[in-house]
mmCIF file of all heavy atoms, coordinates in Angstrom:
data_MODEL
# 
_entry.id   MODEL 
# 
loop_
_atom_site.group_PDB 
_atom_site.id 
_atom_site.type_symbol 
_atom_site.label_atom_id 
_atom_site.label_alt_id 
_atom_site.label_comp_id 
_atom_site.label_asym_id 
_atom_site.label_entity_id 
_atom_site.label_seq_id 
_atom_site.pdbx_PDB_ins_code 
_atom_site.Cartn_x 
_atom_site.Cartn_y 
_atom_site.Cartn_z 
_atom_site.occupancy 
_atom_site.B_iso_or_equiv 
_atom_site.pdbx_formal_charge 
_atom_site.auth_seq_id 
_atom_site.auth_comp_id 
_atom_site.auth_asym_id 
_atom_site.auth_atom_id 
_atom_site.pdbx_PDB_model_num 
ATOM 1   N N   . PRO A 1 1  ? 96.947 -42.345 -30.342 1.00 0.00 ? 1  PRO A N   1 
ATOM 2   C CA  . PRO A 1 1  ? 96.995 -43.058 -29.030 1.00 0.00 ? 1  PRO A CA  1 
ATOM 3   C C   . PRO A 1 1  ? 96.234 -42.087 -28.019 1.00 0.00 ? 1  PRO A C   1 
ATOM 4   O O   . PRO A 1 1  ? 96.069 -42.483 -26.900 1.00 0.00 ? 1  PRO A O   1 
ATOM 5   C CB  . PRO A 1 1  ? 98.451 -43.034 -28.684 1.00 0.00 ? 1  PRO A CB  1 
ATOM 6   C CG  . PRO A 1 1  ? 98.985 -41.943 -29.595 1.00 0.00 ? 1  PRO A CG  1 
ATOM 7   C CD  . PRO A 1 1  ? 98.182 -41.907 -30.934 1.00 0.00 ? 1  PRO A CD  1 
ATOM 8   N N   . TYR A 1 2  ? 95.843 -40.987 -28.466 1.00 0.00 ? 2  TYR A N   1 
ATOM 9   C CA  . TYR A 1 2  ? 94.919 -40.215 -27.471 1.00 0.00 ? 2  TYR A CA  1 
ATOM 10  C C   . TYR A 1 2  ? 93.646 -40.792 -27.401 1.00 0.00 ? 2  TYR A C   1 
ATOM 11  O O   . TYR A 1 2  ? 93.209 -41.627 -28.240 1.00 0.00 ? 2  TYR A O   1 
ATOM 12  C CB  . TYR A 1 2  ? 94.844 -38.723 -28.108 1.00 0.00 ? 2  TYR A CB  1 
ATOM 13  C CG  . TYR A 1 2  ? 96.237 -38.007 -28.055 1.00 0.00 ? 2  TYR A CG  1 
ATOM 14  C CD1 . TYR A 1 2  ? 96.698 -37.604 -29.348 1.00 0.00 ? 2  TYR A CD1 1 
ATOM 15  C CD2 . TYR A 1 2  ? 96.756 -37.660 -26.760 1.00 0.00 ? 2  TYR A CD2 1 
ATOM 16  C CE1 . TYR A 1 2  ? 97.962 -36.932 -29.275 1.00 0.00 ? 2  TYR A CE1 1 
ATOM 17  C CE2 . TYR A 1 2  ? 98.031 -37.019 -26.914 1.00 0.00 ? 2  TYR A CE2 1 
ATOM 18  C CZ  . TYR A 1 2  ? 98.506 -36.595 -28.043 1.00 0.00 ? 2  TYR A CZ  1 
ATOM 19  O OH  . TYR A 1 2  ? 99.797 -35.925 -28.175 1.00 0.00 ? 2  TYR A OH  1 
ATOM 20  N N   . GLU A 1 3  ? 92.868 -40.367 -26.343 1.00 0.00 ? 3  GLU A N   1 
ATOM 21  C CA  . GLU A 1 3  ? 91.611 -41.044 -26.029 1.00 0.00 ? 3  GLU A CA  1 
ATOM 22  C C   . GLU A 1 3  ? 90.683 -41.252 -27.156 1.00 0.00 ? 3  GLU A C   1 
ATOM 23  O O   . GLU A 1 3  ? 89.981 -42.198 -27.368 1.00 0.00 ? 3  GLU A O   1 
ATOM 24  C CB  . GLU A 1 3  ? 90.943 -40.355 -24.928 1.00 0.00 ? 3  GLU A CB  1 
ATOM 25  C CG  . GLU A 1 3  ? 90.029 -41.162 -24.013 1.00 0.00 ? 3  GLU A CG  1 
ATOM 26  C CD  . GLU A 1 3  ? 90.812 -42.070 -23.059 1.00 0.00 ? 3  GLU A CD  1 
ATOM 27  O OE1 . GLU A 1 3  ? 92.209 -42.156 -23.186 1.00 0.00 ? 3  GLU A OE1 1 
ATOM 28  O OE2 . GLU A 1 3  ? 90.239 -42.661 -22.127 1.00 0.00 ? 3  GLU A OE2 1 
ATOM 29  N N   . GLY A 1 4  ? 90.637 -40.227 -28.066 1.00 0.00 ? 4  GLY A N   1 
ATOM 30  C CA  . GLY A 1 4  ? 89.601 -40.217 -29.197 1.00 0.00 ? 4  GLY A CA  1 
ATOM 31  C C   . GLY A 1 4  ? 89.924 -41.180 -30.174 1.00 0.00 ? 4  GLY A C   1 
ATOM 32  O O   . GLY A 1 4  ? 89.096 -41.434 -31.021 1.00 0.00 ? 4  GLY A O   1 
ATOM 33  N N   . GLY A 1 5  ? 91.111 -41.802 -30.114 1.00 0.00 ? 5  GLY A N   1 
ATOM 34  C CA  . GLY A 1 5  ? 91.572 -42.794 -31.116 1.00 0.00 ? 5  GLY A CA  1 
ATOM 35  C C   . GLY A 1 5  ? 91.050 -44.201 -30.804 1.00 0.00 ? 5  GLY A C   1 
ATOM 36  O O   . GLY A 1 5  ? 90.846 -45.076 -31.631 1.00 0.00 ? 5  GLY A O   1 
ATOM 37  N N   . HIS A 1 6  ? 90.907 -44.498 -29.488 1.00 0.00 ? 6  HIS A N   1 
ATOM 38  C CA  . HIS A 1 6  ? 90.666 -45.925 -29.042 1.00 0.00 ? 6  HIS A CA  1 
ATOM 39  C C   . HIS A 1 6  ? 89.582 -46.047 -28.077 1.00 0.00 ? 6  HIS A C   1 
ATOM 40  O O   . HIS A 1 6  ? 89.137 -47.186 -27.838 1.00 0.00 ? 6  HIS A O   1 
ATOM 41  C CB  . HIS A 1 6  ? 91.942 -46.529 -28.568 1.00 0.00 ? 6  HIS A CB  1 
ATOM 42  C CG  . HIS A 1 6  ? 92.549 -45.779 -27.535 1.00 0.00 ? 6  HIS A CG  1 
ATOM 43  N ND1 . HIS A 1 6  ? 92.203 -45.845 -26.166 1.00 0.00 ? 6  HIS A ND1 1 
ATOM 44  C CD2 . HIS A 1 6  ? 93.654 -44.933 -27.542 1.00 0.00 ? 6  HIS A CD2 1 
ATOM 45  C CE1 . HIS A 1 6  ? 92.971 -45.060 -25.479 1.00 0.00 ? 6  HIS A CE1 1 
ATOM 46  N NE2 . HIS A 1 6  ? 93.896 -44.396 -26.255 1.00 0.00 ? 6  HIS A NE2 1 
ATOM 47  N N   . ARG A 1 7  ? 89.061 -45.067 -27.322 1.00 0.00 ? 7  ARG A N   1 
ATOM 48  C CA  . ARG A 1 7  ? 88.092 -45.244 -26.438 1.00 0.00 ? 7  ARG A CA  1 
ATOM 49  C C   . ARG A 1 7  ? 86.712 -45.307 -27.154 1.00 0.00 ? 7  ARG A C   1 
ATOM 50  O O   . ARG A 1 7  ? 86.291 -44.515 -27.930 1.00 0.00 ? 7  ARG A O   1 
ATOM 51  C CB  . ARG A 1 7  ? 88.028 -44.013 -25.459 1.00 0.00 ? 7  ARG A CB  1 
ATOM 52  C CG  . ARG A 1 7  ? 86.926 -44.258 -24.322 1.00 0.00 ? 7  ARG A CG  1 
ATOM 53  C CD  . ARG A 1 7  ? 87.016 -43.183 -23.219 1.00 0.00 ? 7  ARG A CD  1 
ATOM 54  N NE  . ARG A 1 7  ? 86.041 -43.434 -22.135 1.00 0.00 ? 7  ARG A NE  1 
ATOM 55  C CZ  . ARG A 1 7  ? 86.118 -42.883 -21.055 1.00 0.00 ? 7  ARG A CZ  1 
ATOM 56  N NH1 . ARG A 1 7  ? 86.972 -41.912 -20.757 1.00 0.00 ? 7  ARG A NH1 1 
ATOM 57  N NH2 . ARG A 1 7  ? 85.158 -43.098 -20.111 1.00 0.00 ? 7  ARG A NH2 1 
ATOM 58  N N   . VAL A 1 8  ? 86.082 -46.374 -26.877 1.00 0.00 ? 8  VAL A N   1 
ATOM 59  C CA  . VAL A 1 8  ? 84.718 -46.628 -27.507 1.00 0.00 ? 8  VAL A CA  1 
ATOM 60  C C   . VAL A 1 8  ? 83.567 -47.055 -26.663 1.00 0.00 ? 8  VAL A C   1 
ATOM 61  O O   . VAL A 1 8  ? 83.883 -47.491 -25.456 1.00 0.00 ? 8  VAL A O   1 
ATOM 62  C CB  . VAL A 1 8  ? 84.858 -47.813 -28.509 1.00 0.00 ? 8  VAL A CB  1 
ATOM 63  C CG1 . VAL A 1 8  ? 85.913 -47.439 -29.666 1.00 0.00 ? 8  VAL A CG1 1 
ATOM 64  C CG2 . VAL A 1 8  ? 85.304 -49.084 -27.874 1.00 0.00 ? 8  VAL A CG2 1 
ATOM 65  N N   . PRO A 1 9  ? 82.349 -47.002 -27.017 1.00 0.00 ? 9  PRO A N   1 
ATOM 66  C CA  . PRO A 1 9  ? 81.318 -47.384 -26.197 1.00 0.00 ? 9  PRO A CA  1 
ATOM 67  C C   . PRO A 1 9  ? 81.132 -48.890 -26.116 1.00 0.00 ? 9  PRO A C   1 
ATOM 68  O O   . PRO A 1 9  ? 81.521 -49.622 -27.065 1.00 0.00 ? 9  PRO A O   1 
ATOM 69  C CB  . PRO A 1 9  ? 80.060 -46.801 -26.975 1.00 0.00 ? 9  PRO A CB  1 
ATOM 70  C CG  . PRO A 1 9  ? 80.453 -46.716 -28.396 1.00 0.00 ? 9  PRO A CG  1 
ATOM 71  C CD  . PRO A 1 9  ? 81.870 -46.403 -28.318 1.00 0.00 ? 9  PRO A CD  1 
ATOM 72  N N   . PHE A 1 10 ? 80.685 -49.354 -24.912 1.00 0.00 ? 10 PHE A N   1 
ATOM 73  C CA  . PHE A 1 10 ? 80.303 -50.725 -24.861 1.00 0.00 ? 10 PHE A CA  1 
ATOM 74  C C   . PHE A 1 10 ? 79.009 -50.804 -23.988 1.00 0.00 ? 10 PHE A C   1 
ATOM 75  O O   . PHE A 1 10 ? 78.984 -50.509 -22.803 1.00 0.00 ? 10 PHE A O   1 
ATOM 76  C CB  . PHE A 1 10 ? 81.361 -51.519 -24.079 1.00 0.00 ? 10 PHE A CB  1 
ATOM 77  C CG  . PHE A 1 10 ? 81.097 -53.010 -23.953 1.00 0.00 ? 10 PHE A CG  1 
ATOM 78  C CD1 . PHE A 1 10 ? 81.655 -53.817 -24.783 1.00 0.00 ? 10 PHE A CD1 1 
ATOM 79  C CD2 . PHE A 1 10 ? 80.411 -53.452 -22.733 1.00 0.00 ? 10 PHE A CD2 1 
ATOM 80  C CE1 . PHE A 1 10 ? 81.391 -55.283 -24.672 1.00 0.00 ? 10 PHE A CE1 1 
ATOM 81  C CE2 . PHE A 1 10 ? 80.157 -54.760 -22.619 1.00 0.00 ? 10 PHE A CE2 1 
ATOM 82  C CZ  . PHE A 1 10 ? 80.598 -55.656 -23.446 1.00 0.00 ? 10 PHE A CZ  1 
ATOM 83  N N   . PHE A 1 11 ? 77.841 -51.108 -24.689 1.00 0.00 ? 11 PHE A N   1 
ATOM 84  C CA  . PHE A 1 11 ? 76.613 -51.345 -24.015 1.00 0.00 ? 11 PHE A CA  1 
ATOM 85  C C   . PHE A 1 11 ? 76.296 -52.715 -23.985 1.00 0.00 ? 11 PHE A C   1 
ATOM 86  O O   . PHE A 1 11 ? 76.356 -53.494 -24.946 1.00 0.00 ? 11 PHE A O   1 
ATOM 87  C CB  . PHE A 1 11 ? 75.573 -50.539 -24.872 1.00 0.00 ? 11 PHE A CB  1 
ATOM 88  C CG  . PHE A 1 11 ? 75.780 -49.050 -24.920 1.00 0.00 ? 11 PHE A CG  1 
ATOM 89  C CD1 . PHE A 1 11 ? 76.231 -48.532 -26.120 1.00 0.00 ? 11 PHE A CD1 1 
ATOM 90  C CD2 . PHE A 1 11 ? 75.578 -48.167 -23.856 1.00 0.00 ? 11 PHE A CD2 1 
ATOM 91  C CE1 . PHE A 1 11 ? 76.392 -47.204 -26.329 1.00 0.00 ? 11 PHE A CE1 1 
ATOM 92  C CE2 . PHE A 1 11 ? 75.833 -46.858 -24.017 1.00 0.00 ? 11 PHE A CE2 1 
ATOM 93  C CZ  . PHE A 1 11 ? 76.236 -46.423 -25.272 1.00 0.00 ? 11 PHE A CZ  1 
ATOM 94  N N   . ILE A 1 12 ? 75.816 -53.195 -22.786 1.00 0.00 ? 12 ILE A N   1 
ATOM 95  C CA  . ILE A 1 12 ? 75.352 -54.557 -22.647 1.00 0.00 ? 12 ILE A CA  1 
ATOM 96  C C   . ILE A 1 12 ? 74.026 -54.695 -21.908 1.00 0.00 ? 12 ILE A C   1 
ATOM 97  O O   . ILE A 1 12 ? 73.698 -53.890 -20.965 1.00 0.00 ? 12 ILE A O   1 
ATOM 98  C CB  . ILE A 1 12 ? 76.386 -55.409 -21.860 1.00 0.00 ? 12 ILE A CB  1 
ATOM 99  C CG1 . ILE A 1 12 ? 76.026 -56.922 -21.761 1.00 0.00 ? 12 ILE A CG1 1 
ATOM 100 C CG2 . ILE A 1 12 ? 76.753 -54.832 -20.535 1.00 0.00 ? 12 ILE A CG2 1 
ATOM 101 C CD1 . ILE A 1 12 ? 77.107 -57.833 -21.261 1.00 0.00 ? 12 ILE A CD1 1 
ATOM 102 N N   . ARG A 1 13 ? 73.177 -55.436 -22.391 1.00 0.00 ? 13 ARG A N   1 
ATOM 103 C CA  . ARG A 1 13 ? 71.763 -55.638 -21.885 1.00 0.00 ? 13 ARG A CA  1 
ATOM 104 C C   . ARG A 1 13 ? 71.453 -57.073 -21.673 1.00 0.00 ? 13 ARG A C   1 
ATOM 105 O O   . ARG A 1 13 ? 71.630 -57.920 -22.684 1.00 0.00 ? 13 ARG A O   1 
ATOM 106 C CB  . ARG A 1 13 ? 70.772 -54.942 -22.750 1.00 0.00 ? 13 ARG A CB  1 
ATOM 107 C CG  . ARG A 1 13 ? 69.329 -54.877 -22.249 1.00 0.00 ? 13 ARG A CG  1 
ATOM 108 C CD  . ARG A 1 13 ? 68.290 -54.359 -23.089 1.00 0.00 ? 13 ARG A CD  1 
ATOM 109 N NE  . ARG A 1 13 ? 68.097 -55.184 -24.062 1.00 0.00 ? 13 ARG A NE  1 
ATOM 110 C CZ  . ARG A 1 13 ? 67.583 -54.957 -25.365 1.00 0.00 ? 13 ARG A CZ  1 
ATOM 111 N NH1 . ARG A 1 13 ? 67.276 -53.677 -25.630 1.00 0.00 ? 13 ARG A NH1 1 
ATOM 112 N NH2 . ARG A 1 13 ? 67.367 -55.835 -26.269 1.00 0.00 ? 13 ARG A NH2 1 
ATOM 113 N N   . TRP A 1 14 ? 70.792 -57.479 -20.634 1.00 0.00 ? 14 TRP A N   1 
ATOM 114 C CA  . TRP A 1 14 ? 70.388 -58.767 -20.298 1.00 0.00 ? 14 TRP A CA  1 
ATOM 115 C C   . TRP A 1 14 ? 69.401 -58.669 -19.296 1.00 0.00 ? 14 TRP A C   1 
ATOM 116 O O   . TRP A 1 14 ? 69.713 -58.985 -18.056 1.00 0.00 ? 14 TRP A O   1 
ATOM 117 C CB  . TRP A 1 14 ? 71.618 -59.828 -19.932 1.00 0.00 ? 14 TRP A CB  1 
ATOM 118 C CG  . TRP A 1 14 ? 71.193 -61.170 -20.007 1.00 0.00 ? 14 TRP A CG  1 
ATOM 119 C CD1 . TRP A 1 14 ? 70.047 -61.831 -20.407 1.00 0.00 ? 14 TRP A CD1 1 
ATOM 120 C CD2 . TRP A 1 14 ? 72.024 -62.182 -19.167 1.00 0.00 ? 14 TRP A CD2 1 
ATOM 121 N NE1 . TRP A 1 14 ? 70.158 -63.237 -20.078 1.00 0.00 ? 14 TRP A NE1 1 
ATOM 122 C CE2 . TRP A 1 14 ? 71.247 -63.358 -19.438 1.00 0.00 ? 14 TRP A CE2 1 
ATOM 123 C CE3 . TRP A 1 14 ? 73.151 -62.159 -18.427 1.00 0.00 ? 14 TRP A CE3 1 
ATOM 124 C CZ2 . TRP A 1 14 ? 71.636 -64.561 -18.801 1.00 0.00 ? 14 TRP A CZ2 1 
ATOM 125 C CZ3 . TRP A 1 14 ? 73.570 -63.368 -17.927 1.00 0.00 ? 14 TRP A CZ3 1 
ATOM 126 C CH2 . TRP A 1 14 ? 72.821 -64.560 -18.057 1.00 0.00 ? 14 TRP A CH2 1 
ATOM 127 N N   . PRO A 1 15 ? 68.145 -58.456 -19.473 1.00 0.00 ? 15 PRO A N   1 
ATOM 128 C CA  . PRO A 1 15 ? 67.167 -58.275 -18.354 1.00 0.00 ? 15 PRO A CA  1 
ATOM 129 C C   . PRO A 1 15 ? 67.082 -59.667 -17.564 1.00 0.00 ? 15 PRO A C   1 
ATOM 130 O O   . PRO A 1 15 ? 66.988 -59.509 -16.431 1.00 0.00 ? 15 PRO A O   1 
ATOM 131 C CB  . PRO A 1 15 ? 65.826 -58.088 -19.161 1.00 0.00 ? 15 PRO A CB  1 
ATOM 132 C CG  . PRO A 1 15 ? 66.297 -57.318 -20.588 1.00 0.00 ? 15 PRO A CG  1 
ATOM 133 C CD  . PRO A 1 15 ? 67.590 -58.132 -20.864 1.00 0.00 ? 15 PRO A CD  1 
ATOM 134 N N   . ALA A 1 16 ? 66.985 -60.664 -18.174 1.00 0.00 ? 16 ALA A N   1 
ATOM 135 C CA  . ALA A 1 16 ? 66.865 -61.979 -17.452 1.00 0.00 ? 16 ALA A CA  1 
ATOM 136 C C   . ALA A 1 16 ? 68.092 -62.337 -16.557 1.00 0.00 ? 16 ALA A C   1 
ATOM 137 O O   . ALA A 1 16 ? 68.000 -63.037 -15.448 1.00 0.00 ? 16 ALA A O   1 
ATOM 138 C CB  . ALA A 1 16 ? 66.519 -63.288 -18.285 1.00 0.00 ? 16 ALA A CB  1 
ATOM 139 N N   . GLY A 1 17 ? 69.213 -61.664 -16.859 1.00 0.00 ? 17 GLY A N   1 
ATOM 140 C CA  . GLY A 1 17 ? 70.380 -61.892 -16.095 1.00 0.00 ? 17 GLY A CA  1 
ATOM 141 C C   . GLY A 1 17 ? 70.616 -60.817 -15.106 1.00 0.00 ? 17 GLY A C   1 
ATOM 142 O O   . GLY A 1 17 ? 71.743 -60.838 -14.523 1.00 0.00 ? 17 GLY A O   1 
ATOM 143 N N   . ASP A 1 18 ? 69.590 -59.997 -14.928 1.00 0.00 ? 18 ASP A N   1 
ATOM 144 C CA  . ASP A 1 18 ? 69.672 -58.998 -13.808 1.00 0.00 ? 18 ASP A CA  1 
ATOM 145 C C   . ASP A 1 18 ? 70.778 -57.923 -14.020 1.00 0.00 ? 18 ASP A C   1 
ATOM 146 O O   . ASP A 1 18 ? 71.227 -57.410 -13.034 1.00 0.00 ? 18 ASP A O   1 
ATOM 147 C CB  . ASP A 1 18 ? 69.679 -59.574 -12.445 1.00 0.00 ? 18 ASP A CB  1 
ATOM 148 C CG  . ASP A 1 18 ? 68.633 -60.478 -12.064 1.00 0.00 ? 18 ASP A CG  1 
ATOM 149 O OD1 . ASP A 1 18 ? 67.418 -60.203 -12.429 1.00 0.00 ? 18 ASP A OD1 1 
ATOM 150 O OD2 . ASP A 1 18 ? 68.866 -61.583 -11.437 1.00 0.00 ? 18 ASP A OD2 1 
ATOM 151 N N   . ILE A 1 19 ? 71.195 -57.673 -15.200 1.00 0.00 ? 19 ILE A N   1 
ATOM 152 C CA  . ILE A 1 19 ? 72.020 -56.544 -15.535 1.00 0.00 ? 19 ILE A CA  1 
ATOM 153 C C   . ILE A 1 19 ? 71.280 -55.307 -15.253 1.00 0.00 ? 19 ILE A C   1 
ATOM 154 O O   . ILE A 1 19 ? 70.244 -55.081 -15.955 1.00 0.00 ? 19 ILE A O   1 
ATOM 155 C CB  . ILE A 1 19 ? 72.570 -56.634 -16.879 1.00 0.00 ? 19 ILE A CB  1 
ATOM 156 C CG1 . ILE A 1 19 ? 73.575 -57.724 -17.052 1.00 0.00 ? 19 ILE A CG1 1 
ATOM 157 C CG2 . ILE A 1 19 ? 73.307 -55.356 -17.262 1.00 0.00 ? 19 ILE A CG2 1 
ATOM 158 C CD1 . ILE A 1 19 ? 74.235 -57.919 -18.455 1.00 0.00 ? 19 ILE A CD1 1 
ATOM 159 N N   . PRO A 1 20 ? 71.606 -54.420 -14.417 1.00 0.00 ? 20 PRO A N   1 
ATOM 160 C CA  . PRO A 1 20 ? 70.858 -53.237 -14.038 1.00 0.00 ? 20 PRO A CA  1 
ATOM 161 C C   . PRO A 1 20 ? 70.873 -52.283 -15.244 1.00 0.00 ? 20 PRO A C   1 
ATOM 162 O O   . PRO A 1 20 ? 71.894 -51.908 -15.772 1.00 0.00 ? 20 PRO A O   1 
ATOM 163 C CB  . PRO A 1 20 ? 71.454 -52.757 -12.771 1.00 0.00 ? 20 PRO A CB  1 
ATOM 164 C CG  . PRO A 1 20 ? 72.948 -53.273 -12.799 1.00 0.00 ? 20 PRO A CG  1 
ATOM 165 C CD  . PRO A 1 20 ? 72.902 -54.553 -13.450 1.00 0.00 ? 20 PRO A CD  1 
ATOM 166 N N   . ALA A 1 21 ? 69.731 -51.778 -15.591 1.00 0.00 ? 21 ALA A N   1 
ATOM 167 C CA  . ALA A 1 21 ? 69.684 -50.646 -16.585 1.00 0.00 ? 21 ALA A CA  1 
ATOM 168 C C   . ALA A 1 21 ? 70.183 -49.409 -16.160 1.00 0.00 ? 21 ALA A C   1 
ATOM 169 O O   . ALA A 1 21 ? 69.907 -49.020 -15.109 1.00 0.00 ? 21 ALA A O   1 
ATOM 170 C CB  . ALA A 1 21 ? 68.060 -50.617 -17.063 1.00 0.00 ? 21 ALA A CB  1 
ATOM 171 N N   . GLY A 1 22 ? 70.891 -48.764 -16.999 1.00 0.00 ? 22 GLY A N   1 
ATOM 172 C CA  . GLY A 1 22 ? 71.359 -47.443 -16.779 1.00 0.00 ? 22 GLY A CA  1 
ATOM 173 C C   . GLY A 1 22 ? 72.718 -47.454 -15.875 1.00 0.00 ? 22 GLY A C   1 
ATOM 174 O O   . GLY A 1 22 ? 73.176 -46.349 -15.600 1.00 0.00 ? 22 GLY A O   1 
ATOM 175 N N   . LYS A 1 23 ? 73.241 -48.618 -15.495 1.00 0.00 ? 23 LYS A N   1 
ATOM 176 C CA  . LYS A 1 23 ? 74.477 -48.602 -14.633 1.00 0.00 ? 23 LYS A CA  1 
ATOM 177 C C   . LYS A 1 23 ? 75.678 -48.178 -15.481 1.00 0.00 ? 23 LYS A C   1 
ATOM 178 O O   . LYS A 1 23 ? 75.769 -48.600 -16.584 1.00 0.00 ? 23 LYS A O   1 
ATOM 179 C CB  . LYS A 1 23 ? 74.656 -49.899 -14.035 1.00 0.00 ? 23 LYS A CB  1 
ATOM 180 C CG  . LYS A 1 23 ? 75.828 -50.084 -13.280 1.00 0.00 ? 23 LYS A CG  1 
ATOM 181 C CD  . LYS A 1 23 ? 76.139 -51.344 -12.536 1.00 0.00 ? 23 LYS A CD  1 
ATOM 182 C CE  . LYS A 1 23 ? 77.414 -51.404 -11.764 1.00 0.00 ? 23 LYS A CE  1 
ATOM 183 N NZ  . LYS A 1 23 ? 77.498 -52.780 -11.057 1.00 0.00 ? 23 LYS A NZ  1 
ATOM 184 N N   . LYS A 1 24 ? 76.545 -47.409 -14.885 1.00 0.00 ? 24 LYS A N   1 
ATOM 185 C CA  . LYS A 1 24 ? 77.751 -46.982 -15.562 1.00 0.00 ? 24 LYS A CA  1 
ATOM 186 C C   . LYS A 1 24 ? 78.976 -47.626 -14.908 1.00 0.00 ? 24 LYS A C   1 
ATOM 187 O O   . LYS A 1 24 ? 79.068 -47.668 -13.637 1.00 0.00 ? 24 LYS A O   1 
ATOM 188 C CB  . LYS A 1 24 ? 77.946 -45.559 -15.673 1.00 0.00 ? 24 LYS A CB  1 
ATOM 189 C CG  . LYS A 1 24 ? 79.111 -45.058 -16.230 1.00 0.00 ? 24 LYS A CG  1 
ATOM 190 C CD  . LYS A 1 24 ? 79.182 -43.353 -16.225 1.00 0.00 ? 24 LYS A CD  1 
ATOM 191 C CE  . LYS A 1 24 ? 80.436 -42.873 -16.927 1.00 0.00 ? 24 LYS A CE  1 
ATOM 192 N NZ  . LYS A 1 24 ? 80.413 -41.510 -16.887 1.00 0.00 ? 24 LYS A NZ  1 
ATOM 193 N N   . VAL A 1 25 ? 79.830 -48.247 -15.677 1.00 0.00 ? 25 VAL A N   1 
ATOM 194 C CA  . VAL A 1 25 ? 81.010 -48.836 -15.173 1.00 0.00 ? 25 VAL A CA  1 
ATOM 195 C C   . VAL A 1 25 ? 82.156 -47.759 -15.468 1.00 0.00 ? 25 VAL A C   1 
ATOM 196 O O   . VAL A 1 25 ? 82.424 -47.420 -16.583 1.00 0.00 ? 25 VAL A O   1 
ATOM 197 C CB  . VAL A 1 25 ? 81.323 -50.134 -15.808 1.00 0.00 ? 25 VAL A CB  1 
ATOM 198 C CG1 . VAL A 1 25 ? 82.695 -50.667 -15.306 1.00 0.00 ? 25 VAL A CG1 1 
ATOM 199 C CG2 . VAL A 1 25 ? 80.383 -51.208 -15.429 1.00 0.00 ? 25 VAL A CG2 1 
ATOM 200 N N   . ASP A 1 26 ? 82.786 -47.261 -14.434 1.00 0.00 ? 26 ASP A N   1 
ATOM 201 C CA  . ASP A 1 26 ? 83.951 -46.391 -14.514 1.00 0.00 ? 26 ASP A CA  1 
ATOM 202 C C   . ASP A 1 26 ? 85.275 -46.843 -14.439 1.00 0.00 ? 26 ASP A C   1 
ATOM 203 O O   . ASP A 1 26 ? 86.268 -46.126 -14.548 1.00 0.00 ? 26 ASP A O   1 
ATOM 204 C CB  . ASP A 1 26 ? 83.620 -45.227 -13.630 1.00 0.00 ? 26 ASP A CB  1 
ATOM 205 C CG  . ASP A 1 26 ? 83.658 -45.691 -12.170 1.00 0.00 ? 26 ASP A CG  1 
ATOM 206 O OD1 . ASP A 1 26 ? 83.955 -46.749 -11.911 1.00 0.00 ? 26 ASP A OD1 1 
ATOM 207 O OD2 . ASP A 1 26 ? 83.365 -44.731 -11.189 1.00 0.00 ? 26 ASP A OD2 1 
ATOM 208 N N   . LYS A 1 27 ? 85.419 -48.175 -14.384 1.00 0.00 ? 27 LYS A N   1 
ATOM 209 C CA  . LYS A 1 27 ? 86.738 -48.783 -14.249 1.00 0.00 ? 27 LYS A CA  1 
ATOM 210 C C   . LYS A 1 27 ? 87.251 -49.024 -15.856 1.00 0.00 ? 27 LYS A C   1 
ATOM 211 O O   . LYS A 1 27 ? 86.436 -49.225 -16.642 1.00 0.00 ? 27 LYS A O   1 
ATOM 212 C CB  . LYS A 1 27 ? 86.835 -50.007 -13.521 1.00 0.00 ? 27 LYS A CB  1 
ATOM 213 C CG  . LYS A 1 27 ? 86.367 -50.018 -12.208 1.00 0.00 ? 27 LYS A CG  1 
ATOM 214 C CD  . LYS A 1 27 ? 87.158 -49.164 -11.293 1.00 0.00 ? 27 LYS A CD  1 
ATOM 215 C CE  . LYS A 1 27 ? 86.822 -49.306 -9.800  1.00 0.00 ? 27 LYS A CE  1 
ATOM 216 N NZ  . LYS A 1 27 ? 87.659 -48.405 -8.982  1.00 0.00 ? 27 LYS A NZ  1 
# 
């Protein structure tokens, strides 16, 4: 249940949908 057990990366890309490259979501 500590952070290393369940926190994982989530990368999303969609150039035509105007998802900004390099943006970080901290919520």
